[in-house]
Amino acid sequence: MKVNIPEKYAELYLKALIEKKGHLLDKIREFEKEIKEIDQHIQTLTSIPIFHEETYQGPVKWETTSYKEEWSWSKKVEFYFSQLEKVANAKDIVEFIINNEKNSDRTKVRSSISAALSNGHKNRSFLKFTDPVSSITYYGKPDWFNEKSIPKMEHIPEALKEKILK
């Protein structure tokens, strides 16, 4: 930064810059303090159980053969898998839920299912496989996949089998 000021103002200008720097450093400290407070609030909130989906622990934990709207999104996905016994893509799961919840908002269902599948994949409740030809991602229960994360033949939907076996 090149500054052209008369000599008689140099000292005054220097004091002004130092003062401005001090004010900026004070603001930075305030922001850092506020960020720490926000981090503490986030940590407190995320420790509440409602922010943690139940992870898949084996067979479906509810004794029913009928769909329930009040289930969590993860349970709805689990129910879909238990009915289908095949890997599925998010679009198929969304359609299943829309058919079972006639008044649901498609955008909300799509984003909620996407989040449930993503969280399920992170915690290994669901594994995923991306079809190398169509780039469609399929999800399923971990025991439906081999050690290379490829779905076992008995858990591949017919439409995907046809593409693979061509």
C-alpha atoms as a PDB file:
ATOM      1  CA  MET A   1       0.000   0.000   0.000  1.00  0.00           C
ATOM      2  CA  LYS A   2       1.633   3.186  -1.150  1.00  0.00           C
ATOM      3  CA  VAL A   3       0.574   6.329   0.671  1.00  0.00           C
ATOM      4  CA  ASN A   4       1.382   9.879  -0.372  1.00  0.00           C
ATOM      5  CA  ILE A   5       0.737  12.224   2.562  1.00  0.00           C
ATOM      6  CA  PRO A   6       2.450  15.389   3.680  1.00  0.00           C
ATOM      7  CA  GLU A   7       5.027  14.937   6.461  1.00  0.00           C
ATOM      8  CA  LYS A   8       3.072  17.045   8.930  1.00  0.00           C
ATOM      9  CA  TYR A   9       0.171  14.523   8.741  1.00  0.00           C
ATOM     10  CA  ALA A  10       2.279  11.348   8.833  1.00  0.00           C
ATOM     11  CA  GLU A  11       2.183  10.961  12.620  1.00  0.00           C
ATOM     12  CA  LEU A  12      -1.549  11.647  12.726  1.00  0.00           C
ATOM     13  CA  TYR A  13      -2.153   9.170   9.890  1.00  0.00           C
ATOM     14  CA  LEU A  14      -0.045   6.537  11.683  1.00  0.00           C
ATOM     15  CA  LYS A  15      -2.090   6.972  14.891  1.00  0.00           C
ATOM     16  CA  ALA A  16      -5.324   6.658  12.888  1.00  0.00           C
ATOM     17  CA  LEU A  17      -4.139   3.433  11.238  1.00  0.00           C
ATOM     18  CA  ILE A  18      -3.057   1.929  14.581  1.00  0.00           C
ATOM     19  CA  GLU A  19      -6.413   2.881  16.109  1.00  0.00           C
ATOM     20  CA  LYS A  20      -8.316   1.394  13.153  1.00  0.00           C
ATOM     21  CA  LYS A  21      -6.238  -1.788  13.418  1.00  0.00           C
ATOM     22  CA  GLY A  22      -7.104  -1.997  17.128  1.00  0.00           C
ATOM     23  CA  HIS A  23     -10.831  -1.643  16.375  1.00  0.00           C
ATOM     24  CA  LEU A  24     -10.627  -4.362  13.737  1.00  0.00           C
ATOM     25  CA  LEU A  25      -8.766  -6.693  16.131  1.00  0.00           C
ATOM     26  CA  ASP A  26     -11.467  -6.048  18.759  1.00  0.00           C
ATOM     27  CA  LYS A  27     -14.146  -7.007  16.215  1.00  0.00           C
ATOM     28  CA  ILE A  28     -12.221 -10.178  15.331  1.00  0.00           C
ATOM     29  CA  ARG A  29     -12.085 -11.137  19.025  1.00  0.00           C
ATOM     30  CA  GLU A  30     -15.826 -10.490  19.336  1.00  0.00           C
ATOM     31  CA  PHE A  31     -16.503 -12.668  16.289  1.00  0.00           C
ATOM     32  CA  GLU A  32     -14.257 -15.442  17.626  1.00  0.00           C
ATOM     33  CA  LYS A  33     -16.096 -15.321  20.975  1.00  0.00           C
ATOM     34  CA  GLU A  34     -19.447 -15.460  19.183  1.00  0.00           C
ATOM     35  CA  ILE A  35     -18.270 -18.377  17.025  1.00  0.00           C
ATOM     36  CA  LYS A  36     -17.226 -20.299  20.153  1.00  0.00           C
ATOM     37  CA  GLU A  37     -20.652 -19.671  21.695  1.00  0.00           C
ATOM     38  CA  ILE A  38     -22.364 -20.876  18.522  1.00  0.00           C
ATOM     39  CA  ASP A  39     -20.170 -23.995  18.462  1.00  0.00           C
ATOM     40  CA  GLN A  40     -21.172 -24.715  22.070  1.00  0.00           C
ATOM     41  CA  HIS A  41     -24.850 -24.332  21.197  1.00  0.00           C
ATOM     42  CA  ILE A  42     -24.446 -26.607  18.182  1.00  0.00           C
ATOM     43  CA  GLN A  43     -22.670 -29.221  20.287  1.00  0.00           C
ATOM     44  CA  THR A  44     -25.394 -29.039  22.938  1.00  0.00           C
ATOM     45  CA  LEU A  45     -28.183 -29.307  20.381  1.00  0.00           C
ATOM     46  CA  THR A  46     -26.651 -32.137  18.404  1.00  0.00           C
ATOM     47  CA  SER A  47     -26.219 -34.197  21.542  1.00  0.00           C
ATOM     48  CA  ILE A  48     -30.024 -34.317  21.900  1.00  0.00           C
ATOM     49  CA  PRO A  49     -31.331 -37.750  20.812  1.00  0.00           C
ATOM     50  CA  ILE A  50     -33.713 -36.329  18.163  1.00  0.00           C
ATOM     51  CA  PHE A  51     -30.678 -35.542  15.990  1.00  0.00           C
ATOM     52  CA  HIS A  52     -29.569 -39.174  15.890  1.00  0.00           C
ATOM     53  CA  GLU A  53     -31.465 -41.656  13.757  1.00  0.00           C
ATOM     54  CA  GLU A  54     -31.588 -45.190  15.040  1.00  0.00           C
ATOM     55  CA  THR A  55     -29.085 -47.326  13.208  1.00  0.00           C
ATOM     56  CA  TYR A  56     -29.954 -50.634  11.647  1.00  0.00           C
ATOM     57  CA  GLN A  57     -29.457 -53.330  14.263  1.00  0.00           C
ATOM     58  CA  GLY A  58     -30.836 -56.376  12.512  1.00  0.00           C
ATOM     59  CA  PRO A  59     -34.380 -57.240  11.533  1.00  0.00           C
ATOM     60  CA  VAL A  60     -37.050 -54.557  11.379  1.00  0.00           C
ATOM     61  CA  LYS A  61     -37.870 -53.482  14.944  1.00  0.00           C
ATOM     62  CA  TRP A  62     -41.607 -53.170  14.558  1.00  0.00           C
ATOM     63  CA  GLU A  63     -44.137 -55.908  14.368  1.00  0.00           C
ATOM     64  CA  THR A  64     -46.388 -54.900  11.501  1.00  0.00           C
ATOM     65  CA  THR A  65     -47.084 -55.632   7.901  1.00  0.00           C
ATOM     66  CA  SER A  66     -48.641 -52.232   7.233  1.00  0.00           C
ATOM     67  CA  TYR A  67     -47.017 -48.903   6.487  1.00  0.00           C
ATOM     68  CA  LYS A  68     -47.143 -46.144   9.150  1.00  0.00           C
ATOM     69  CA  GLU A  69     -46.854 -42.446   8.221  1.00  0.00           C
ATOM     70  CA  GLU A  70     -45.536 -41.567  11.692  1.00  0.00           C
ATOM     71  CA  TRP A  71     -42.376 -43.651  11.248  1.00  0.00           C
ATOM     72  CA  SER A  72     -39.024 -41.922  10.837  1.00  0.00           C
ATOM     73  CA  TRP A  73     -37.724 -41.652   7.280  1.00  0.00           C
ATOM     74  CA  SER A  74     -35.159 -44.366   8.003  1.00  0.00           C
ATOM     75  CA  LYS A  75     -37.873 -46.739   9.202  1.00  0.00           C
ATOM     76  CA  LYS A  76     -39.878 -46.026   6.055  1.00  0.00           C
ATOM     77  CA  VAL A  77     -36.844 -46.963   3.955  1.00  0.00           C
ATOM     78  CA  GLU A  78     -36.329 -50.105   6.064  1.00  0.00           C
ATOM     79  CA  PHE A  79     -39.982 -51.050   5.575  1.00  0.00           C
ATOM     80  CA  TYR A  80     -39.656 -50.561   1.814  1.00  0.00           C
ATOM     81  CA  PHE A  81     -36.580 -52.799   1.759  1.00  0.00           C
ATOM     82  CA  SER A  82     -38.356 -55.436   3.870  1.00  0.00           C
ATOM     83  CA  GLN A  83     -41.236 -55.484   1.373  1.00  0.00           C
ATOM     84  CA  LEU A  84     -39.050 -55.535  -1.719  1.00  0.00           C
ATOM     85  CA  GLU A  85     -36.016 -57.586  -0.579  1.00  0.00           C
ATOM     86  CA  LYS A  86     -34.090 -55.918  -3.443  1.00  0.00           C
ATOM     87  CA  VAL A  87     -31.724 -52.969  -3.733  1.00  0.00           C
ATOM     88  CA  ALA A  88     -33.532 -49.813  -4.797  1.00  0.00           C
ATOM     89  CA  ASN A  89     -32.810 -46.286  -5.913  1.00  0.00           C
ATOM     90  CA  ALA A  90     -34.056 -43.177  -4.126  1.00  0.00           C
ATOM     91  CA  LYS A  91     -36.626 -42.454  -6.858  1.00  0.00           C
ATOM     92  CA  ASP A  92     -38.352 -45.823  -6.303  1.00  0.00           C
ATOM     93  CA  ILE A  93     -38.426 -45.312  -2.536  1.00  0.00           C
ATOM     94  CA  VAL A  94     -39.876 -41.811  -2.957  1.00  0.00           C
ATOM     95  CA  GLU A  95     -42.612 -43.167  -5.263  1.00  0.00           C
ATOM     96  CA  PHE A  96     -43.460 -45.865  -2.704  1.00  0.00           C
ATOM     97  CA  ILE A  97     -43.835 -43.257   0.058  1.00  0.00           C
ATOM     98  CA  ILE A  98     -45.832 -40.870  -2.144  1.00  0.00           C
ATOM     99  CA  ASN A  99     -48.207 -43.764  -2.934  1.00  0.00           C
ATOM    100  CA  ASN A 100     -48.609 -44.467   0.795  1.00  0.00           C
ATOM    101  CA  GLU A 101     -48.880 -40.824   1.883  1.00  0.00           C
ATOM    102  CA  LYS A 102     -51.205 -39.215  -0.640  1.00  0.00           C
ATOM    103  CA  ASN A 103     -51.001 -35.712   0.914  1.00  0.00           C
ATOM    104  CA  SER A 104     -47.219 -35.612   1.127  1.00  0.00           C
ATOM    105  CA  ASP A 105     -45.040 -32.995  -0.529  1.00  0.00           C
ATOM    106  CA  ARG A 106     -42.876 -34.677  -3.168  1.00  0.00           C
ATOM    107  CA  THR A 107     -39.961 -32.261  -2.646  1.00  0.00           C
ATOM    108  CA  LYS A 108     -39.963 -32.851   1.120  1.00  0.00           C
ATOM    109  CA  VAL A 109     -40.161 -36.614   0.682  1.00  0.00           C
ATOM    110  CA  ARG A 110     -37.340 -36.578  -1.880  1.00  0.00           C
ATOM    111  CA  SER A 111     -35.008 -34.521   0.340  1.00  0.00           C
ATOM    112  CA  SER A 112     -35.899 -36.511   3.464  1.00  0.00           C
ATOM    113  CA  ILE A 113     -35.281 -39.849   1.760  1.00  0.00           C
ATOM    114  CA  SER A 114     -32.035 -38.547   0.324  1.00  0.00           C
ATOM    115  CA  ALA A 115     -30.918 -37.524   3.826  1.00  0.00           C
ATOM    116  CA  ALA A 116     -32.036 -40.843   5.350  1.00  0.00           C
ATOM    117  CA  LEU A 117     -30.133 -42.815   2.698  1.00  0.00           C
ATOM    118  CA  SER A 118     -27.053 -40.627   3.101  1.00  0.00           C
ATOM    119  CA  ASN A 119     -27.095 -40.972   6.901  1.00  0.00           C
ATOM    120  CA  GLY A 120     -27.791 -44.690   6.605  1.00  0.00           C
ATOM    121  CA  HIS A 121     -24.845 -45.070   4.250  1.00  0.00           C
ATOM    122  CA  LYS A 122     -22.575 -43.099   6.607  1.00  0.00           C
ATOM    123  CA  ASN A 123     -23.441 -45.309   9.566  1.00  0.00           C
ATOM    124  CA  ARG A 124     -23.400 -48.436   7.377  1.00  0.00           C
ATOM    125  CA  SER A 125     -27.112 -49.224   7.847  1.00  0.00           C
ATOM    126  CA  PHE A 126     -27.385 -49.161   4.071  1.00  0.00           C
ATOM    127  CA  LEU A 127     -24.768 -49.820   1.447  1.00  0.00           C
ATOM    128  CA  LYS A 128     -24.855 -48.316  -1.996  1.00  0.00           C
ATOM    129  CA  PHE A 129     -23.958 -49.435  -5.461  1.00  0.00           C
ATOM    130  CA  THR A 130     -23.744 -47.161  -8.502  1.00  0.00           C
ATOM    131  CA  ASP A 131     -24.621 -48.763 -11.828  1.00  0.00           C
ATOM    132  CA  PRO A 132     -21.579 -48.010 -14.007  1.00  0.00           C
ATOM    133  CA  VAL A 133     -23.712 -47.760 -17.149  1.00  0.00           C
ATOM    134  CA  SER A 134     -26.619 -45.565 -16.015  1.00  0.00           C
ATOM    135  CA  SER A 135     -24.901 -43.965 -12.978  1.00  0.00           C
ATOM    136  CA  ILE A 136     -28.026 -44.707 -10.941  1.00  0.00           C
ATOM    137  CA  THR A 137     -27.237 -45.343  -7.283  1.00  0.00           C
ATOM    138  CA  TYR A 138     -28.945 -48.271  -5.574  1.00  0.00           C
ATOM    139  CA  TYR A 139     -29.151 -48.799  -1.810  1.00  0.00           C
ATOM    140  CA  GLY A 140     -29.794 -51.896   0.226  1.00  0.00           C
ATOM    141  CA  LYS A 141     -29.183 -53.724   3.462  1.00  0.00           C
ATOM    142  CA  PRO A 142     -25.522 -54.581   4.143  1.00  0.00           C
ATOM    143  CA  ASP A 143     -26.095 -58.340   3.960  1.00  0.00           C
ATOM    144  CA  TRP A 144     -27.411 -57.912   0.399  1.00  0.00           C
ATOM    145  CA  PHE A 145     -23.896 -57.026  -0.834  1.00  0.00           C
ATOM    146  CA  ASN A 146     -20.720 -59.029  -1.306  1.00  0.00           C
ATOM    147  CA  GLU A 147     -17.327 -58.027   0.114  1.00  0.00           C
ATOM    148  CA  LYS A 148     -16.727 -55.740  -2.898  1.00  0.00           C
ATOM    149  CA  SER A 149     -19.963 -53.807  -2.195  1.00  0.00           C
ATOM    150  CA  ILE A 150     -21.703 -55.291  -5.226  1.00  0.00           C
ATOM    151  CA  PRO A 151     -25.295 -56.472  -4.698  1.00  0.00           C
ATOM    152  CA  LYS A 152     -25.809 -60.231  -4.593  1.00  0.00           C
ATOM    153  CA  MET A 153     -27.848 -61.505  -7.553  1.00  0.00           C
ATOM    154  CA  GLU A 154     -30.891 -62.430  -5.446  1.00  0.00           C
ATOM    155  CA  HIS A 155     -31.183 -58.794  -4.293  1.00  0.00           C
ATOM    156  CA  ILE A 156     -30.860 -57.139  -7.721  1.00  0.00           C
ATOM    157  CA  PRO A 157     -34.135 -55.906  -9.280  1.00  0.00           C
ATOM    158  CA  GLU A 158     -35.100 -57.526 -12.577  1.00  0.00           C
ATOM    159  CA  ALA A 159     -34.670 -54.322 -14.617  1.00  0.00           C
ATOM    160  CA  LEU A 160     -31.084 -53.965 -13.381  1.00  0.00           C
ATOM    161  CA  LYS A 161     -30.378 -57.677 -13.931  1.00  0.00           C
ATOM    162  CA  GLU A 162     -31.480 -57.332 -17.537  1.00  0.00           C
ATOM    163  CA  LYS A 163     -29.042 -54.429 -18.075  1.00  0.00           C
ATOM    164  CA  ILE A 164     -26.190 -56.282 -16.391  1.00  0.00           C
ATOM    165  CA  LEU A 165     -26.703 -59.569 -18.215  1.00  0.00           C
ATOM    166  CA  LYS A 166     -26.933 -58.005 -21.698  1.00  0.00           C
END
